Amino acid sequence: MLRGLSRPTKRLIRLYVTAQPQIVISDDCVKRLKIVAPDHRFLRIIVEGGGCSGFQYKFEIDESLNSDDKIFEKSGAKVVVDETSLEYIDGATIDYQEELIRSAFRVLKNHKSILLQP
């Protein structure tokens, strides 16, 4: 499968495949979660079919964990993603942005979304 690729490229691919899933939680996301999801509640992110690229993000404040959930935490704020959704947002940044016309949690710097687009 890796024939014809340079050694540095092969090393990067192996690191990427074997690395632990990771999500970056921005400071703005932490601040907002401490307000809307105190105590044992958390932000759940679900990737669903739909949208112009074939996928869309769904954000919920939740308090129940499922057996396939992965928990990411920063400064007491928690973000939870199921294993299937994590495949699509691994390495992304979860942010909270406030604008004049809307405020929302967002998935930023998702390199996998670029790879999934036709």
PDB file of N, CA and C in Angstrom:
ATOM      1  N   MET A   1       0.806  -1.193   0.000  1.00  0.00           N
ATOM      2  CA  MET A   1       0.000   0.000   0.000  1.00  0.00           C
ATOM      3  C   MET A   1       0.858   1.269   0.000  1.00  0.00           C
ATOM      4  N   LEU A   2       2.013   1.220   0.635  1.00  0.00           N
ATOM      5  CA  LEU A   2       2.853   2.406   0.736  1.00  0.00           C
ATOM      6  C   LEU A   2       3.997   2.414  -0.274  1.00  0.00           C
ATOM      7  N   ARG A   3       3.984   1.469  -1.201  1.00  0.00           N
ATOM      8  CA  ARG A   3       5.059   1.432  -2.198  1.00  0.00           C
ATOM      9  C   ARG A   3       5.066   2.685  -3.043  1.00  0.00           C
ATOM     10  N   GLY A   4       6.248   3.133  -3.389  1.00  0.00           N
ATOM     11  CA  GLY A   4       6.398   4.296  -4.240  1.00  0.00           C
ATOM     12  C   GLY A   4       6.392   5.620  -3.495  1.00  0.00           C
ATOM     13  N   LEU A   5       6.155   5.587  -2.201  1.00  0.00           N
ATOM     14  CA  LEU A   5       6.168   6.808  -1.404  1.00  0.00           C
ATOM     15  C   LEU A   5       7.524   6.994  -0.749  1.00  0.00           C
ATOM     16  N   SER A   6       7.905   8.233  -0.508  1.00  0.00           N
ATOM     17  CA  SER A   6       9.191   8.510   0.139  1.00  0.00           C
ATOM     18  C   SER A   6       9.142   8.060   1.603  1.00  0.00           C
ATOM     19  N   ARG A   7      10.298   7.868   2.185  1.00  0.00           N
ATOM     20  CA  ARG A   7      10.354   7.451   3.593  1.00  0.00           C
ATOM     21  C   ARG A   7       9.694   8.462   4.532  1.00  0.00           C
ATOM     22  N   PRO A   8       9.970   9.761   4.361  1.00  0.00           N
ATOM     23  CA  PRO A   8       9.291  10.714   5.256  1.00  0.00           C
ATOM     24  C   PRO A   8       7.757  10.654   5.136  1.00  0.00           C
ATOM     25  N   THR A   9       7.278  10.468   3.928  1.00  0.00           N
ATOM     26  CA  THR A   9       5.825  10.371   3.729  1.00  0.00           C
ATOM     27  C   THR A   9       5.292   9.115   4.401  1.00  0.00           C
ATOM     28  N   LYS A  10       5.991   8.006   4.275  1.00  0.00           N
ATOM     29  CA  LYS A  10       5.565   6.764   4.928  1.00  0.00           C
ATOM     30  C   LYS A  10       5.534   6.932   6.441  1.00  0.00           C
ATOM     31  N   ARG A  11       6.542   7.614   7.011  1.00  0.00           N
ATOM     32  CA  ARG A  11       6.565   7.847   8.456  1.00  0.00           C
ATOM     33  C   ARG A  11       5.371   8.689   8.900  1.00  0.00           C
ATOM     34  N   LEU A  12       5.057   9.732   8.135  1.00  0.00           N
ATOM     35  CA  LEU A  12       3.910  10.574   8.473  1.00  0.00           C
ATOM     36  C   LEU A  12       2.615   9.785   8.435  1.00  0.00           C
ATOM     37  N   ILE A  13       2.466   8.941   7.434  1.00  0.00           N
ATOM     38  CA  ILE A  13       1.250   8.126   7.318  1.00  0.00           C
ATOM     39  C   ILE A  13       1.148   7.183   8.502  1.00  0.00           C
ATOM     40  N   ARG A  14       2.236   6.537   8.880  1.00  0.00           N
ATOM     41  CA  ARG A  14       2.209   5.620  10.017  1.00  0.00           C
ATOM     42  C   ARG A  14       1.886   6.362  11.313  1.00  0.00           C
ATOM     43  N   LEU A  15       2.471   7.558  11.500  1.00  0.00           N
ATOM     44  CA  LEU A  15       2.168   8.352  12.691  1.00  0.00           C
ATOM     45  C   LEU A  15       0.694   8.738  12.721  1.00  0.00           C
ATOM     46  N   TYR A  16       0.162   9.124  11.583  1.00  0.00           N
ATOM     47  CA  TYR A  16      -1.233   9.543  11.503  1.00  0.00           C
ATOM     48  C   TYR A  16      -2.175   8.383  11.809  1.00  0.00           C
ATOM     49  N   VAL A  17      -1.865   7.213  11.290  1.00  0.00           N
ATOM     50  CA  VAL A  17      -2.728   6.047  11.470  1.00  0.00           C
ATOM     51  C   VAL A  17      -2.681   5.539  12.903  1.00  0.00           C
ATOM     52  N   THR A  18      -1.518   5.614  13.555  1.00  0.00           N
ATOM     53  CA  THR A  18      -1.377   5.051  14.892  1.00  0.00           C
ATOM     54  C   THR A  18      -1.598   6.066  16.007  1.00  0.00           C
ATOM     55  N   ALA A  19      -1.723   7.344  15.676  1.00  0.00           N
ATOM     56  CA  ALA A  19      -1.885   8.373  16.707  1.00  0.00           C
ATOM     57  C   ALA A  19      -3.242   8.260  17.389  1.00  0.00           C
ATOM     58  N   GLN A  20      -3.285   8.655  18.660  1.00  0.00           N
ATOM     59  CA  GLN A  20      -4.544   8.696  19.393  1.00  0.00           C
ATOM     60  C   GLN A  20      -5.413   9.805  18.809  1.00  0.00           C
ATOM     61  N   PRO A  21      -6.699   9.568  18.705  1.00  0.00           N
ATOM     62  CA  PRO A  21      -7.588  10.636  18.218  1.00  0.00           C
ATOM     63  C   PRO A  21      -7.476  11.859  19.120  1.00  0.00           C
ATOM     64  N   GLN A  22      -7.559  13.015  18.507  1.00  0.00           N
ATOM     65  CA  GLN A  22      -7.389  14.238  19.267  1.00  0.00           C
ATOM     66  C   GLN A  22      -8.327  15.314  18.739  1.00  0.00           C
ATOM     67  N   ILE A  23      -8.853  16.101  19.639  1.00  0.00           N
ATOM     68  CA  ILE A  23      -9.642  17.276  19.300  1.00  0.00           C
ATOM     69  C   ILE A  23      -9.094  18.431  20.130  1.00  0.00           C
ATOM     70  N   VAL A  24      -8.942  19.592  19.503  1.00  0.00           N
ATOM     71  CA  VAL A  24      -8.472  20.784  20.191  1.00  0.00           C
ATOM     72  C   VAL A  24      -9.699  21.591  20.606  1.00  0.00           C
ATOM     73  N   ILE A  25      -9.743  22.012  21.857  1.00  0.00           N
ATOM     74  CA  ILE A  25     -10.842  22.821  22.367  1.00  0.00           C
ATOM     75  C   ILE A  25     -10.298  24.232  22.600  1.00  0.00           C
ATOM     76  N   SER A  26     -10.881  25.214  21.909  1.00  0.00           N
ATOM     77  CA  SER A  26     -10.395  26.594  22.026  1.00  0.00           C
ATOM     78  C   SER A  26     -10.767  27.193  23.381  1.00  0.00           C
ATOM     79  N   ASP A  27     -10.076  28.271  23.752  1.00  0.00           N
ATOM     80  CA  ASP A  27     -10.371  28.963  25.004  1.00  0.00           C
ATOM     81  C   ASP A  27     -11.787  29.549  25.001  1.00  0.00           C
ATOM     82  N   ASP A  28     -12.238  30.060  23.846  1.00  0.00           N
ATOM     83  CA  ASP A  28     -13.598  30.597  23.748  1.00  0.00           C
ATOM     84  C   ASP A  28     -14.634  29.502  23.948  1.00  0.00           C
ATOM     85  N   CYS A  29     -14.354  28.315  23.462  1.00  0.00           N
ATOM     86  CA  CYS A  29     -15.251  27.174  23.659  1.00  0.00           C
ATOM     87  C   CYS A  29     -15.321  26.812  25.143  1.00  0.00           C
ATOM     88  N   VAL A  30     -14.184  26.797  25.799  1.00  0.00           N
ATOM     89  CA  VAL A  30     -14.136  26.490  27.237  1.00  0.00           C
ATOM     90  C   VAL A  30     -14.976  27.499  28.018  1.00  0.00           C
ATOM     91  N   LYS A  31     -14.795  28.790  27.724  1.00  0.00           N
ATOM     92  CA  LYS A  31     -15.544  29.836  28.435  1.00  0.00           C
ATOM     93  C   LYS A  31     -17.050  29.636  28.275  1.00  0.00           C
ATOM     94  N   ARG A  32     -17.501  29.360  27.057  1.00  0.00           N
ATOM     95  CA  ARG A  32     -18.930  29.197  26.814  1.00  0.00           C
ATOM     96  C   ARG A  32     -19.469  27.926  27.469  1.00  0.00           C
ATOM     97  N   LEU A  33     -18.708  26.843  27.406  1.00  0.00           N
ATOM     98  CA  LEU A  33     -19.159  25.588  28.011  1.00  0.00           C
ATOM     99  C   LEU A  33     -19.293  25.704  29.522  1.00  0.00           C
ATOM    100  N   LYS A  34     -18.447  26.480  30.145  1.00  0.00           N
ATOM    101  CA  LYS A  34     -18.563  26.661  31.595  1.00  0.00           C
ATOM    102  C   LYS A  34     -19.867  27.365  31.966  1.00  0.00           C
ATOM    103  N   ILE A  35     -20.436  28.116  31.028  1.00  0.00           N
ATOM    104  CA  ILE A  35     -21.708  28.798  31.258  1.00  0.00           C
ATOM    105  C   ILE A  35     -22.893  27.882  30.934  1.00  0.00           C
ATOM    106  N   VAL A  36     -22.859  27.226  29.761  1.00  0.00           N
ATOM    107  CA  VAL A  36     -24.031  26.466  29.300  1.00  0.00           C
ATOM    108  C   VAL A  36     -24.016  24.997  29.706  1.00  0.00           C
ATOM    109  N   ALA A  37     -22.870  24.487  30.128  1.00  0.00           N
ATOM    110  CA  ALA A  37     -22.771  23.067  30.486  1.00  0.00           C
ATOM    111  C   ALA A  37     -21.985  22.896  31.784  1.00  0.00           C
ATOM    112  N   PRO A  38     -22.516  23.417  32.882  1.00  0.00           N
ATOM    113  CA  PRO A  38     -21.794  23.277  34.153  1.00  0.00           C
ATOM    114  C   PRO A  38     -21.905  21.862  34.715  1.00  0.00           C
ATOM    115  N   ASP A  39     -21.124  21.593  35.728  1.00  0.00           N
ATOM    116  CA  ASP A  39     -21.162  20.328  36.471  1.00  0.00           C
ATOM    117  C   ASP A  39     -20.879  19.132  35.568  1.00  0.00           C
ATOM    118  N   HIS A  40     -21.797  18.199  35.510  1.00  0.00           N
ATOM    119  CA  HIS A  40     -21.579  16.931  34.799  1.00  0.00           C
ATOM    120  C   HIS A  40     -22.072  16.964  33.353  1.00  0.00           C
ATOM    121  N   ARG A  41     -22.462  18.122  32.859  1.00  0.00           N
ATOM    122  CA  ARG A  41     -22.929  18.224  31.467  1.00  0.00           C
ATOM    123  C   ARG A  41     -21.764  18.520  30.541  1.00  0.00           C
ATOM    124  N   PHE A  42     -21.966  18.276  29.247  1.00  0.00           N
ATOM    125  CA  PHE A  42     -20.891  18.445  28.274  1.00  0.00           C
ATOM    126  C   PHE A  42     -21.463  18.743  26.900  1.00  0.00           C
ATOM    127  N   LEU A  43     -20.591  19.164  25.995  1.00  0.00           N
ATOM    128  CA  LEU A  43     -20.963  19.394  24.603  1.00  0.00           C
ATOM    129  C   LEU A  43     -20.760  18.093  23.833  1.00  0.00           C
ATOM    130  N   ARG A  44     -21.825  17.615  23.211  1.00  0.00           N
ATOM    131  CA  ARG A  44     -21.733  16.425  22.352  1.00  0.00           C
ATOM    132  C   ARG A  44     -21.714  16.887  20.901  1.00  0.00           C
ATOM    133  N   ILE A  45     -20.779  16.331  20.122  1.00  0.00           N
ATOM    134  CA  ILE A  45     -20.706  16.635  18.692  1.00  0.00           C
ATOM    135  C   ILE A  45     -21.008  15.361  17.924  1.00  0.00           C
ATOM    136  N   ILE A  46     -21.938  15.475  16.985  1.00  0.00           N
ATOM    137  CA  ILE A  46     -22.331  14.348  16.141  1.00  0.00           C
ATOM    138  C   ILE A  46     -22.160  14.767  14.681  1.00  0.00           C
ATOM    139  N   VAL A  47     -21.550  13.916  13.882  1.00  0.00           N
ATOM    140  CA  VAL A  47     -21.437  14.169  12.453  1.00  0.00           C
ATOM    141  C   VAL A  47     -22.526  13.349  11.770  1.00  0.00           C
ATOM    142  N   GLU A  48     -23.397  14.047  11.024  1.00  0.00           N
ATOM    143  CA  GLU A  48     -24.512  13.397  10.345  1.00  0.00           C
ATOM    144  C   GLU A  48     -24.389  13.583   8.841  1.00  0.00           C
ATOM    145  N   GLY A  49     -25.026  12.695   8.087  1.00  0.00           N
ATOM    146  CA  GLY A  49     -25.104  12.848   6.643  1.00  0.00           C
ATOM    147  C   GLY A  49     -25.970  14.040   6.306  1.00  0.00           C
ATOM    148  N   GLY A  50     -25.632  14.748   5.234  1.00  0.00           N
ATOM    149  CA  GLY A  50     -26.401  15.920   4.815  1.00  0.00           C
ATOM    150  C   GLY A  50     -25.489  17.104   4.634  1.00  0.00           C
ATOM    151  N   GLY A  51     -26.035  18.230   4.260  1.00  0.00           N
ATOM    152  CA  GLY A  51     -25.221  19.414   4.015  1.00  0.00           C
ATOM    153  C   GLY A  51     -24.617  19.365   2.626  1.00  0.00           C
ATOM    154  N   CYS A  52     -23.984  20.454   2.204  1.00  0.00           N
ATOM    155  CA  CYS A  52     -23.478  20.536   0.829  1.00  0.00           C
ATOM    156  C   CYS A  52     -22.280  19.618   0.584  1.00  0.00           C
ATOM    157  N   SER A  53     -21.520  19.273   1.612  1.00  0.00           N
ATOM    158  CA  SER A  53     -20.378  18.377   1.415  1.00  0.00           C
ATOM    159  C   SER A  53     -20.727  16.933   1.757  1.00  0.00           C
ATOM    160  N   GLY A  54     -21.995  16.687   2.107  1.00  0.00           N
ATOM    161  CA  GLY A  54     -22.411  15.338   2.466  1.00  0.00           C
ATOM    162  C   GLY A  54     -22.441  15.089   3.955  1.00  0.00           C
ATOM    163  N   PHE A  55     -21.914  16.030   4.761  1.00  0.00           N
ATOM    164  CA  PHE A  55     -21.887  15.883   6.209  1.00  0.00           C
ATOM    165  C   PHE A  55     -22.231  17.206   6.868  1.00  0.00           C
ATOM    166  N   GLN A  56     -22.808  17.126   8.062  1.00  0.00           N
ATOM    167  CA  GLN A  56     -23.045  18.322   8.856  1.00  0.00           C
ATOM    168  C   GLN A  56     -22.805  18.004  10.319  1.00  0.00           C
ATOM    169  N   TYR A  57     -22.480  19.038  11.081  1.00  0.00           N
ATOM    170  CA  TYR A  57     -22.189  18.878  12.499  1.00  0.00           C
ATOM    171  C   TYR A  57     -23.427  19.213  13.316  1.00  0.00           C
ATOM    172  N   LYS A  58     -23.688  18.403  14.331  1.00  0.00           N
ATOM    173  CA  LYS A  58     -24.789  18.646  15.253  1.00  0.00           C
ATOM    174  C   LYS A  58     -24.183  18.799  16.645  1.00  0.00           C
ATOM    175  N   PHE A  59     -24.568  19.870  17.358  1.00  0.00           N
ATOM    176  CA  PHE A  59     -24.057  20.151  18.691  1.00  0.00           C
ATOM    177  C   PHE A  59     -25.211  20.062  19.681  1.00  0.00           C
ATOM    178  N   GLU A  60     -24.983  19.349  20.789  1.00  0.00           N
ATOM    179  CA  GLU A  60     -25.995  19.214  21.841  1.00  0.00           C
ATOM    180  C   GLU A  60     -25.328  19.322  23.204  1.00  0.00           C
ATOM    181  N   ILE A  61     -26.042  19.882  24.160  1.00  0.00           N
ATOM    182  CA  ILE A  61     -25.593  19.817  25.549  1.00  0.00           C
ATOM    183  C   ILE A  61     -26.209  18.542  26.114  1.00  0.00           C
ATOM    184  N   ASP A  62     -25.377  17.668  26.656  1.00  0.00           N
ATOM    185  CA  ASP A  62     -25.819  16.336  27.081  1.00  0.00           C
ATOM    186  C   ASP A  62     -25.246  16.031  28.455  1.00  0.00           C
ATOM    187  N   GLU A  63     -25.767  14.975  29.068  1.00  0.00           N
ATOM    188  CA  GLU A  63     -25.230  14.538  30.359  1.00  0.00           C
ATOM    189  C   GLU A  63     -25.115  13.026  30.452  1.00  0.00           C
ATOM    190  N   SER A  64     -25.445  12.321  29.361  1.00  0.00           N
ATOM    191  CA  SER A  64     -25.374  10.847  29.350  1.00  0.00           C
ATOM    192  C   SER A  64     -24.289  10.382  28.393  1.00  0.00           C
ATOM    193  N   LEU A  65     -23.429   9.505  28.893  1.00  0.00           N
ATOM    194  CA  LEU A  65     -22.366   8.950  28.057  1.00  0.00           C
ATOM    195  C   LEU A  65     -22.793   7.610  27.478  1.00  0.00           C
ATOM    196  N   ASN A  66     -22.338   7.336  26.268  1.00  0.00           N
ATOM    197  CA  ASN A  66     -22.557   6.042  25.620  1.00  0.00           C
ATOM    198  C   ASN A  66     -21.252   5.251  25.642  1.00  0.00           C
ATOM    199  N   SER A  67     -21.335   3.964  25.402  1.00  0.00           N
ATOM    200  CA  SER A  67     -20.154   3.103  25.504  1.00  0.00           C
ATOM    201  C   SER A  67     -19.077   3.442  24.472  1.00  0.00           C
ATOM    202  N   ASP A  68     -19.447   4.028  23.340  1.00  0.00           N
ATOM    203  CA  ASP A  68     -18.462   4.335  22.298  1.00  0.00           C
ATOM    204  C   ASP A  68     -18.023   5.801  22.305  1.00  0.00           C
ATOM    205  N   ASP A  69     -18.331   6.537  23.360  1.00  0.00           N
ATOM    206  CA  ASP A  69     -17.970   7.953  23.448  1.00  0.00           C
ATOM    207  C   ASP A  69     -16.513   8.141  23.832  1.00  0.00           C
ATOM    208  N   LYS A  70     -15.906   9.159  23.249  1.00  0.00           N
ATOM    209  CA  LYS A  70     -14.565   9.596  23.618  1.00  0.00           C
ATOM    210  C   LYS A  70     -14.710  10.980  24.244  1.00  0.00           C
ATOM    211  N   ILE A  71     -14.045  11.177  25.369  1.00  0.00           N
ATOM    212  CA  ILE A  71     -14.164  12.427  26.116  1.00  0.00           C
ATOM    213  C   ILE A  71     -12.882  13.238  25.960  1.00  0.00           C
ATOM    214  N   PHE A  72     -13.051  14.510  25.623  1.00  0.00           N
ATOM    215  CA  PHE A  72     -11.941  15.450  25.525  1.00  0.00           C
ATOM    216  C   PHE A  72     -12.224  16.575  26.517  1.00  0.00           C
ATOM    217  N   GLU A  73     -11.209  16.970  27.266  1.00  0.00           N
ATOM    218  CA  GLU A  73     -11.425  17.942  28.329  1.00  0.00           C
ATOM    219  C   GLU A  73     -10.321  18.990  28.331  1.00  0.00           C
ATOM    220  N   LYS A  74     -10.739  20.222  28.610  1.00  0.00           N
ATOM    221  CA  LYS A  74      -9.779  21.318  28.773  1.00  0.00           C
ATOM    222  C   LYS A  74     -10.312  22.238  29.861  1.00  0.00           C
ATOM    223  N   SER A  75      -9.540  22.444  30.895  1.00  0.00           N
ATOM    224  CA  SER A  75      -9.889  23.351  31.997  1.00  0.00           C
ATOM    225  C   SER A  75     -11.278  23.085  32.566  1.00  0.00           C
ATOM    226  N   GLY A  76     -11.653  21.828  32.647  1.00  0.00           N
ATOM    227  CA  GLY A  76     -12.941  21.455  33.215  1.00  0.00           C
ATOM    228  C   GLY A  76     -14.095  21.398  32.233  1.00  0.00           C
ATOM    229  N   ALA A  77     -13.922  21.910  31.037  1.00  0.00           N
ATOM    230  CA  ALA A  77     -14.963  21.854  30.004  1.00  0.00           C
ATOM    231  C   ALA A  77     -14.783  20.569  29.199  1.00  0.00           C
ATOM    232  N   LYS A  78     -15.892  19.870  28.945  1.00  0.00           N
ATOM    233  CA  LYS A  78     -15.815  18.583  28.260  1.00  0.00           C
ATOM    234  C   LYS A  78     -16.536  18.608  26.920  1.00  0.00           C
ATOM    235  N   VAL A  79     -15.897  17.950  25.943  1.00  0.00           N
ATOM    236  CA  VAL A  79     -16.487  17.716  24.629  1.00  0.00           C
ATOM    237  C   VAL A  79     -16.485  16.215  24.416  1.00  0.00           C
ATOM    238  N   VAL A  80     -17.620  15.669  24.009  1.00  0.00           N
ATOM    239  CA  VAL A  80     -17.764  14.225  23.818  1.00  0.00           C
ATOM    240  C   VAL A  80     -18.139  13.947  22.368  1.00  0.00           C
ATOM    241  N   VAL A  81     -17.477  12.937  21.798  1.00  0.00           N
ATOM    242  CA  VAL A  81     -17.725  12.552  20.410  1.00  0.00           C
ATOM    243  C   VAL A  81     -17.771  11.033  20.343  1.00  0.00           C
ATOM    244  N   ASP A  82     -18.766  10.485  19.633  1.00  0.00           N
ATOM    245  CA  ASP A  82     -18.809   9.032  19.466  1.00  0.00           C
ATOM    246  C   ASP A  82     -17.721   8.609  18.475  1.00  0.00           C
ATOM    247  N   GLU A  83     -17.344   7.335  18.507  1.00  0.00           N
ATOM    248  CA  GLU A  83     -16.229   6.837  17.694  1.00  0.00           C
ATOM    249  C   GLU A  83     -16.434   7.079  16.205  1.00  0.00           C
ATOM    250  N   THR A  84     -17.651   6.879  15.715  1.00  0.00           N
ATOM    251  CA  THR A  84     -17.915   7.054  14.283  1.00  0.00           C
ATOM    252  C   THR A  84     -17.738   8.516  13.877  1.00  0.00           C
ATOM    253  N   SER A  85     -18.304   9.437  14.643  1.00  0.00           N
ATOM    254  CA  SER A  85     -18.168  10.864  14.331  1.00  0.00           C
ATOM    255  C   SER A  85     -16.722  11.321  14.461  1.00  0.00           C
ATOM    256  N   LEU A  86     -15.994  10.744  15.404  1.00  0.00           N
ATOM    257  CA  LEU A  86     -14.602  11.134  15.623  1.00  0.00           C
ATOM    258  C   LEU A  86     -13.732  10.865  14.396  1.00  0.00           C
ATOM    259  N   GLU A  87     -14.078   9.852  13.633  1.00  0.00           N
ATOM    260  CA  GLU A  87     -13.321   9.561  12.410  1.00  0.00           C
ATOM    261  C   GLU A  87     -13.343  10.749  11.450  1.00  0.00           C
ATOM    262  N   TYR A  88     -14.406  11.560  11.494  1.00  0.00           N
ATOM    263  CA  TYR A  88     -14.567  12.682  10.573  1.00  0.00           C
ATOM    264  C   TYR A  88     -14.049  14.000  11.117  1.00  0.00           C
ATOM    265  N   ILE A  89     -13.831  14.105  12.426  1.00  0.00           N
ATOM    266  CA  ILE A  89     -13.368  15.385  12.983  1.00  0.00           C
ATOM    267  C   ILE A  89     -12.076  15.263  13.784  1.00  0.00           C
ATOM    268  N   ASP A  90     -11.445  14.111  13.730  1.00  0.00           N
ATOM    269  CA  ASP A  90     -10.177  13.917  14.433  1.00  0.00           C
ATOM    270  C   ASP A  90      -9.170  14.978  13.990  1.00  0.00           C
ATOM    271  N   GLY A  91      -8.590  15.672  14.944  1.00  0.00           N
ATOM    272  CA  GLY A  91      -7.596  16.700  14.652  1.00  0.00           C
ATOM    273  C   GLY A  91      -8.183  18.095  14.498  1.00  0.00           C
ATOM    274  N   ALA A  92      -9.498  18.224  14.511  1.00  0.00           N
ATOM    275  CA  ALA A  92     -10.149  19.523  14.320  1.00  0.00           C
ATOM    276  C   ALA A  92     -10.136  20.331  15.617  1.00  0.00           C
ATOM    277  N   THR A  93     -10.460  21.604  15.486  1.00  0.00           N
ATOM    278  CA  THR A  93     -10.585  22.509  16.630  1.00  0.00           C
ATOM    279  C   THR A  93     -12.060  22.824  16.845  1.00  0.00           C
ATOM    280  N   ILE A  94     -12.506  22.725  18.089  1.00  0.00           N
ATOM    281  CA  ILE A  94     -13.871  23.086  18.447  1.00  0.00           C
ATOM    282  C   ILE A  94     -13.820  24.485  19.052  1.00  0.00           C
ATOM    283  N   ASP A  95     -14.587  25.399  18.484  1.00  0.00           N
ATOM    284  CA  ASP A  95     -14.537  26.798  18.885  1.00  0.00           C
ATOM    285  C   ASP A  95     -15.952  27.308  19.150  1.00  0.00           C
ATOM    286  N   TYR A  96     -16.038  28.433  19.823  1.00  0.00           N
ATOM    287  CA  TYR A  96     -17.301  29.132  19.988  1.00  0.00           C
ATOM    288  C   TYR A  96     -17.093  30.538  19.469  1.00  0.00           C
ATOM    289  N   GLN A  97     -17.936  30.951  18.516  1.00  0.00           N
ATOM    290  CA  GLN A  97     -17.791  32.274  17.920  1.00  0.00           C
ATOM    291  C   GLN A  97     -19.047  33.093  18.146  1.00  0.00           C
ATOM    292  N   GLU A  98     -18.846  34.332  18.557  1.00  0.00           N
ATOM    293  CA  GLU A  98     -19.953  35.257  18.730  1.00  0.00           C
ATOM    294  C   GLU A  98     -19.861  36.332  17.658  1.00  0.00           C
ATOM    295  N   GLU A  99     -20.950  36.491  16.924  1.00  0.00           N
ATOM    296  CA  GLU A  99     -21.040  37.510  15.886  1.00  0.00           C
ATOM    297  C   GLU A  99     -22.321  38.300  16.101  1.00  0.00           C
ATOM    298  N   LEU A 100     -22.494  39.371  15.370  1.00  0.00           N
ATOM    299  CA  LEU A 100     -23.688  40.191  15.526  1.00  0.00           C
ATOM    300  C   LEU A 100     -24.970  39.429  15.223  1.00  0.00           C
ATOM    301  N   ILE A 101     -24.946  38.591  14.203  1.00  0.00           N
ATOM    302  CA  ILE A 101     -26.186  37.918  13.797  1.00  0.00           C
ATOM    303  C   ILE A 101     -26.317  36.499  14.337  1.00  0.00           C
ATOM    304  N   ARG A 102     -25.232  35.954  14.895  1.00  0.00           N
ATOM    305  CA  ARG A 102     -25.346  34.594  15.437  1.00  0.00           C
ATOM    306  C   ARG A 102     -24.145  34.271  16.316  1.00  0.00           C
ATOM    307  N   SER A 103     -24.388  33.363  17.234  1.00  0.00           N
ATOM    308  CA  SER A 103     -23.333  32.818  18.091  1.00  0.00           C
ATOM    309  C   SER A 103     -23.493  31.309  18.059  1.00  0.00           C
ATOM    310  N   ALA A 104     -22.364  30.597  17.914  1.00  0.00           N
ATOM    311  CA  ALA A 104     -22.489  29.144  17.778  1.00  0.00           C
ATOM    312  C   ALA A 104     -21.157  28.449  18.014  1.00  0.00           C
ATOM    313  N   PHE A 105     -21.275  27.178  18.401  1.00  0.00           N
ATOM    314  CA  PHE A 105     -20.104  26.312  18.403  1.00  0.00           C
ATOM    315  C   PHE A 105     -19.796  25.968  16.959  1.00  0.00           C
ATOM    316  N   ARG A 106     -18.503  25.823  16.652  1.00  0.00           N
ATOM    317  CA  ARG A 106     -18.097  25.508  15.276  1.00  0.00           C
ATOM    318  C   ARG A 106     -16.930  24.546  15.285  1.00  0.00           C
ATOM    319  N   VAL A 107     -16.833  23.774  14.224  1.00  0.00           N
ATOM    320  CA  VAL A 107     -15.687  22.898  14.000  1.00  0.00           C
ATOM    321  C   VAL A 107     -14.785  23.613  13.001  1.00  0.00           C
ATOM    322  N   LEU A 108     -13.557  23.909  13.428  1.00  0.00           N
ATOM    323  CA  LEU A 108     -12.590  24.615  12.592  1.00  0.00           C
ATOM    324  C   LEU A 108     -11.381  23.732  12.333  1.00  0.00           C
ATOM    325  N   LYS A 109     -10.634  24.085  11.335  1.00  0.00           N
ATOM    326  CA  LYS A 109      -9.375  23.413  11.009  1.00  0.00           C
ATOM    327  C   LYS A 109      -9.556  21.900  10.893  1.00  0.00           C
ATOM    328  N   ASN A 110     -10.643  21.500  10.252  1.00  0.00           N
ATOM    329  CA  ASN A 110     -10.886  20.074  10.055  1.00  0.00           C
ATOM    330  C   ASN A 110     -10.272  19.652   8.727  1.00  0.00           C
ATOM    331  N   HIS A 111      -9.076  19.132   8.781  1.00  0.00           N
ATOM    332  CA  HIS A 111      -8.356  18.737   7.573  1.00  0.00           C
ATOM    333  C   HIS A 111      -9.038  17.569   6.873  1.00  0.00           C
ATOM    334  N   LYS A 112      -9.783  16.786   7.628  1.00  0.00           N
ATOM    335  CA  LYS A 112     -10.471  15.647   7.022  1.00  0.00           C
ATOM    336  C   LYS A 112     -11.630  16.089   6.152  1.00  0.00           C
ATOM    337  N   SER A 113     -12.247  17.215   6.448  1.00  0.00           N
ATOM    338  CA  SER A 113     -13.359  17.685   5.616  1.00  0.00           C
ATOM    339  C   SER A 113     -12.872  18.039   4.215  1.00  0.00           C
ATOM    340  N   ILE A 114     -11.649  18.511   4.111  1.00  0.00           N
ATOM    341  CA  ILE A 114     -11.071  18.819   2.800  1.00  0.00           C
ATOM    342  C   ILE A 114     -10.867  17.529   2.020  1.00  0.00           C
ATOM    343  N   LEU A 115     -10.412  16.479   2.702  1.00  0.00           N
ATOM    344  CA  LEU A 115     -10.177  15.195   2.032  1.00  0.00           C
ATOM    345  C   LEU A 115     -11.467  14.520   1.611  1.00  0.00           C
ATOM    346  N   LEU A 116     -12.578  14.810   2.307  1.00  0.00           N
ATOM    347  CA  LEU A 116     -13.846  14.138   2.025  1.00  0.00           C
ATOM    348  C   LEU A 116     -14.645  14.822   0.927  1.00  0.00           C
ATOM    349  N   GLN A 117     -14.287  16.057   0.572  1.00  0.00           N
ATOM    350  CA  GLN A 117     -15.058  16.769  -0.443  1.00  0.00           C
ATOM    351  C   GLN A 117     -14.767  16.196  -1.823  1.00  0.00           C
ATOM    352  N   PRO A 118     -15.813  16.147  -2.689  1.00  0.00           N
ATOM    353  CA  PRO A 118     -15.604  15.588  -4.036  1.00  0.00           C
ATOM    354  C   PRO A 118     -14.757  16.486  -4.897  1.00  0.00           C
TER     355      PRO A 118
END
